[in-house]
Amino acid sequence: MCSGLKVNMEARYQPNLSKLLEFSATDDVSGFISEVEEKGCDVNEMSYWYGRRVGSRKMGFEERTPILIAAIMEASRF
């Protein structure tokens, strides 16, 4: 069962979008802008993010957009 999930995730994994998620999580605006402008990444596309599932204590991969990650990280700072 886990191998099926892994294959599915590899098929949809996009390294450039994952970088956008990391830049969003760390408030790296200059890195985010250069990734979007130079590599043409779309800020509305989803990529996998590892973290707590919404409403649960379990960890796992879920699809997120860079803007959603920025909002989640900002809310957790307060």
N, C-alpha and C. Protein backbone atom coordinates (compact mmCIF):
# COMPACT_ATOMS: atom_id res chain seq x y z
N MET A 1 0.82 -1.19 0.00
CA MET A 1 0.00 0.00 0.00
C MET A 1 0.87 1.25 0.00
N CYS A 2 1.92 1.27 0.78
CA CYS A 2 2.78 2.44 0.84
C CYS A 2 3.52 2.66 -0.48
N SER A 3 3.90 1.57 -1.15
CA SER A 3 4.63 1.74 -2.41
C SER A 3 3.75 2.41 -3.46
N GLY A 4 2.45 2.16 -3.46
CA GLY A 4 1.55 2.81 -4.41
C GLY A 4 1.50 4.31 -4.18
N LEU A 5 1.48 4.71 -2.91
CA LEU A 5 1.48 6.14 -2.58
C LEU A 5 2.79 6.77 -3.01
N LYS A 6 3.90 6.07 -2.81
CA LYS A 6 5.20 6.60 -3.16
C LYS A 6 5.31 6.81 -4.67
N VAL A 7 4.85 5.85 -5.44
CA VAL A 7 4.90 5.99 -6.89
C VAL A 7 4.03 7.15 -7.34
N ASN A 8 2.85 7.29 -6.76
CA ASN A 8 1.95 8.38 -7.12
C ASN A 8 2.57 9.72 -6.77
N MET A 9 3.23 9.83 -5.63
CA MET A 9 3.85 11.08 -5.22
C MET A 9 5.01 11.43 -6.13
N GLU A 10 5.81 10.43 -6.52
CA GLU A 10 6.94 10.69 -7.40
C GLU A 10 6.47 11.20 -8.75
N ALA A 11 5.34 10.71 -9.21
CA ALA A 11 4.82 11.13 -10.50
C ALA A 11 4.38 12.59 -10.46
N ARG A 12 3.95 13.08 -9.31
CA ARG A 12 3.45 14.46 -9.21
C ARG A 12 4.43 15.40 -8.52
N TYR A 13 5.58 14.88 -8.07
CA TYR A 13 6.56 15.72 -7.36
C TYR A 13 7.21 16.70 -8.33
N GLN A 14 7.26 17.94 -7.94
CA GLN A 14 7.86 18.98 -8.78
C GLN A 14 8.84 19.76 -7.92
N PRO A 15 10.16 19.55 -8.15
CA PRO A 15 11.16 20.17 -7.28
C PRO A 15 11.08 21.69 -7.21
N ASN A 16 10.82 22.36 -8.33
CA ASN A 16 10.77 23.83 -8.30
C ASN A 16 9.64 24.32 -7.42
N LEU A 17 8.50 23.64 -7.45
CA LEU A 17 7.38 24.05 -6.61
C LEU A 17 7.68 23.78 -5.14
N SER A 18 8.39 22.71 -4.85
CA SER A 18 8.76 22.43 -3.47
C SER A 18 9.66 23.53 -2.92
N LYS A 19 10.52 24.08 -3.77
CA LYS A 19 11.36 25.20 -3.34
C LYS A 19 10.49 26.41 -3.01
N LEU A 20 9.45 26.63 -3.78
CA LEU A 20 8.55 27.74 -3.48
C LEU A 20 7.90 27.56 -2.12
N LEU A 21 7.53 26.32 -1.79
CA LEU A 21 6.94 26.06 -0.48
C LEU A 21 7.94 26.36 0.64
N GLU A 22 9.19 25.97 0.44
CA GLU A 22 10.22 26.25 1.44
C GLU A 22 10.45 27.75 1.60
N PHE A 23 10.51 28.47 0.48
CA PHE A 23 10.69 29.92 0.55
C PHE A 23 9.51 30.57 1.26
N SER A 24 8.31 30.06 1.03
CA SER A 24 7.11 30.59 1.70
C SER A 24 7.17 30.35 3.20
N ALA A 25 7.63 29.18 3.59
CA ALA A 25 7.67 28.82 5.00
C ALA A 25 8.70 29.62 5.78
N THR A 26 9.77 30.04 5.10
CA THR A 26 10.85 30.75 5.79
C THR A 26 10.85 32.25 5.53
N ASP A 27 9.81 32.76 4.89
CA ASP A 27 9.70 34.19 4.57
C ASP A 27 10.87 34.70 3.73
N ASP A 28 11.36 33.87 2.83
CA ASP A 28 12.45 34.25 1.93
C ASP A 28 11.86 34.87 0.67
N VAL A 29 11.56 36.15 0.74
CA VAL A 29 10.88 36.85 -0.36
C VAL A 29 11.77 36.92 -1.59
N SER A 30 13.05 37.23 -1.42
CA SER A 30 13.94 37.35 -2.59
C SER A 30 14.10 36.00 -3.29
N GLY A 31 14.22 34.92 -2.54
CA GLY A 31 14.31 33.59 -3.14
C GLY A 31 13.02 33.21 -3.85
N PHE A 32 11.90 33.55 -3.25
CA PHE A 32 10.60 33.27 -3.84
C PHE A 32 10.43 34.02 -5.16
N ILE A 33 10.77 35.30 -5.17
CA ILE A 33 10.62 36.11 -6.38
C ILE A 33 11.54 35.60 -7.49
N SER A 34 12.79 35.30 -7.16
CA SER A 34 13.71 34.83 -8.20
C SER A 34 13.25 33.48 -8.77
N GLU A 35 12.72 32.61 -7.94
CA GLU A 35 12.23 31.31 -8.43
C GLU A 35 11.04 31.50 -9.38
N VAL A 36 10.16 32.42 -9.05
CA VAL A 36 8.99 32.67 -9.90
C VAL A 36 9.39 33.36 -11.20
N GLU A 37 10.21 34.39 -11.10
CA GLU A 37 10.56 35.17 -12.29
C GLU A 37 11.55 34.45 -13.20
N GLU A 38 12.57 33.81 -12.63
CA GLU A 38 13.61 33.18 -13.45
C GLU A 38 13.21 31.81 -13.98
N LYS A 39 12.53 31.03 -13.17
CA LYS A 39 12.18 29.66 -13.58
C LYS A 39 10.74 29.52 -14.01
N GLY A 40 9.97 30.58 -13.87
CA GLY A 40 8.59 30.56 -14.36
C GLY A 40 7.65 29.66 -13.59
N CYS A 41 7.89 29.49 -12.29
CA CYS A 41 7.01 28.66 -11.47
C CYS A 41 5.67 29.35 -11.26
N ASP A 42 4.61 28.58 -11.25
CA ASP A 42 3.28 29.11 -11.03
C ASP A 42 2.95 29.05 -9.54
N VAL A 43 2.60 30.18 -8.94
CA VAL A 43 2.34 30.22 -7.51
C VAL A 43 1.01 29.56 -7.13
N ASN A 44 0.18 29.25 -8.11
CA ASN A 44 -1.11 28.62 -7.83
C ASN A 44 -1.09 27.11 -7.94
N GLU A 45 0.05 26.53 -8.34
CA GLU A 45 0.14 25.08 -8.45
C GLU A 45 0.43 24.48 -7.08
N MET A 46 0.02 23.23 -6.91
CA MET A 46 0.21 22.54 -5.64
C MET A 46 1.42 21.61 -5.70
N SER A 47 2.06 21.47 -4.56
CA SER A 47 3.15 20.52 -4.41
C SER A 47 3.00 19.88 -3.03
N TYR A 48 3.74 18.81 -2.80
CA TYR A 48 3.61 18.09 -1.53
C TYR A 48 4.37 18.79 -0.42
N TRP A 49 3.75 18.85 0.73
CA TRP A 49 4.31 19.45 1.93
C TRP A 49 4.13 18.45 3.06
N TYR A 50 5.21 18.21 3.83
CA TYR A 50 5.14 17.27 4.94
C TYR A 50 4.87 18.04 6.22
N GLY A 51 3.79 17.69 6.88
CA GLY A 51 3.46 18.37 8.12
C GLY A 51 2.24 17.73 8.77
N ARG A 52 1.76 18.37 9.81
CA ARG A 52 0.56 17.86 10.48
C ARG A 52 -0.65 17.99 9.58
N ARG A 53 -1.46 16.97 9.62
CA ARG A 53 -2.70 17.02 8.86
C ARG A 53 -3.68 17.93 9.60
N VAL A 54 -4.52 18.60 8.86
CA VAL A 54 -5.47 19.53 9.44
C VAL A 54 -6.43 18.79 10.35
N GLY A 55 -6.55 19.24 11.60
CA GLY A 55 -7.46 18.63 12.56
C GLY A 55 -7.00 17.30 13.12
N SER A 56 -5.71 17.00 12.98
CA SER A 56 -5.21 15.72 13.45
C SER A 56 -3.81 15.89 14.03
N ARG A 57 -3.38 14.91 14.80
CA ARG A 57 -2.02 14.93 15.33
C ARG A 57 -1.08 14.15 14.42
N LYS A 58 -1.61 13.53 13.39
CA LYS A 58 -0.80 12.70 12.49
C LYS A 58 -0.04 13.57 11.50
N MET A 59 1.15 13.09 11.14
CA MET A 59 1.97 13.76 10.15
C MET A 59 1.80 13.05 8.81
N GLY A 60 1.98 13.79 7.74
CA GLY A 60 1.90 13.18 6.43
C GLY A 60 2.08 14.20 5.33
N PHE A 61 2.10 13.72 4.11
CA PHE A 61 2.22 14.58 2.94
C PHE A 61 0.84 15.03 2.49
N GLU A 62 0.71 16.31 2.23
CA GLU A 62 -0.53 16.85 1.68
C GLU A 62 -0.17 17.90 0.64
N GLU A 63 -1.04 18.05 -0.35
CA GLU A 63 -0.79 19.04 -1.38
C GLU A 63 -1.13 20.43 -0.85
N ARG A 64 -0.20 21.36 -1.07
CA ARG A 64 -0.38 22.73 -0.62
C ARG A 64 0.15 23.69 -1.69
N THR A 65 -0.39 24.90 -1.70
CA THR A 65 0.14 25.96 -2.55
C THR A 65 1.11 26.80 -1.71
N PRO A 66 2.02 27.52 -2.36
CA PRO A 66 2.94 28.38 -1.59
C PRO A 66 2.22 29.42 -0.73
N ILE A 67 1.13 29.96 -1.22
CA ILE A 67 0.40 30.97 -0.44
C ILE A 67 -0.22 30.34 0.81
N LEU A 68 -0.71 29.13 0.69
CA LEU A 68 -1.28 28.44 1.85
C LEU A 68 -0.21 28.16 2.89
N ILE A 69 0.97 27.76 2.46
CA ILE A 69 2.06 27.51 3.40
C ILE A 69 2.44 28.80 4.13
N ALA A 70 2.53 29.91 3.39
CA ALA A 70 2.84 31.20 4.03
C ALA A 70 1.81 31.56 5.08
N ALA A 71 0.54 31.32 4.77
CA ALA A 71 -0.52 31.63 5.72
C ALA A 71 -0.46 30.74 6.95
N ILE A 72 -0.20 29.46 6.75
CA ILE A 72 -0.10 28.52 7.87
C ILE A 72 1.06 28.90 8.78
N MET A 73 2.22 29.21 8.19
CA MET A 73 3.39 29.55 8.98
C MET A 73 3.21 30.87 9.72
N GLU A 74 2.57 31.82 9.10
CA GLU A 74 2.31 33.11 9.75
C GLU A 74 1.37 32.94 10.94
N ALA A 75 0.34 32.11 10.77
CA ALA A 75 -0.61 31.88 11.86
C ALA A 75 0.04 31.15 13.02
N SER A 76 1.01 30.29 12.74
CA SER A 76 1.65 29.53 13.82
C SER A 76 2.65 30.37 14.59
N ARG A 77 3.01 31.53 14.12
CA ARG A 77 3.97 32.41 14.81
C ARG A 77 3.32 33.15 15.97
N PHE A 78 2.02 33.22 15.99
CA PHE A 78 1.33 33.97 17.05
C PHE A 78 0.96 33.13 18.21
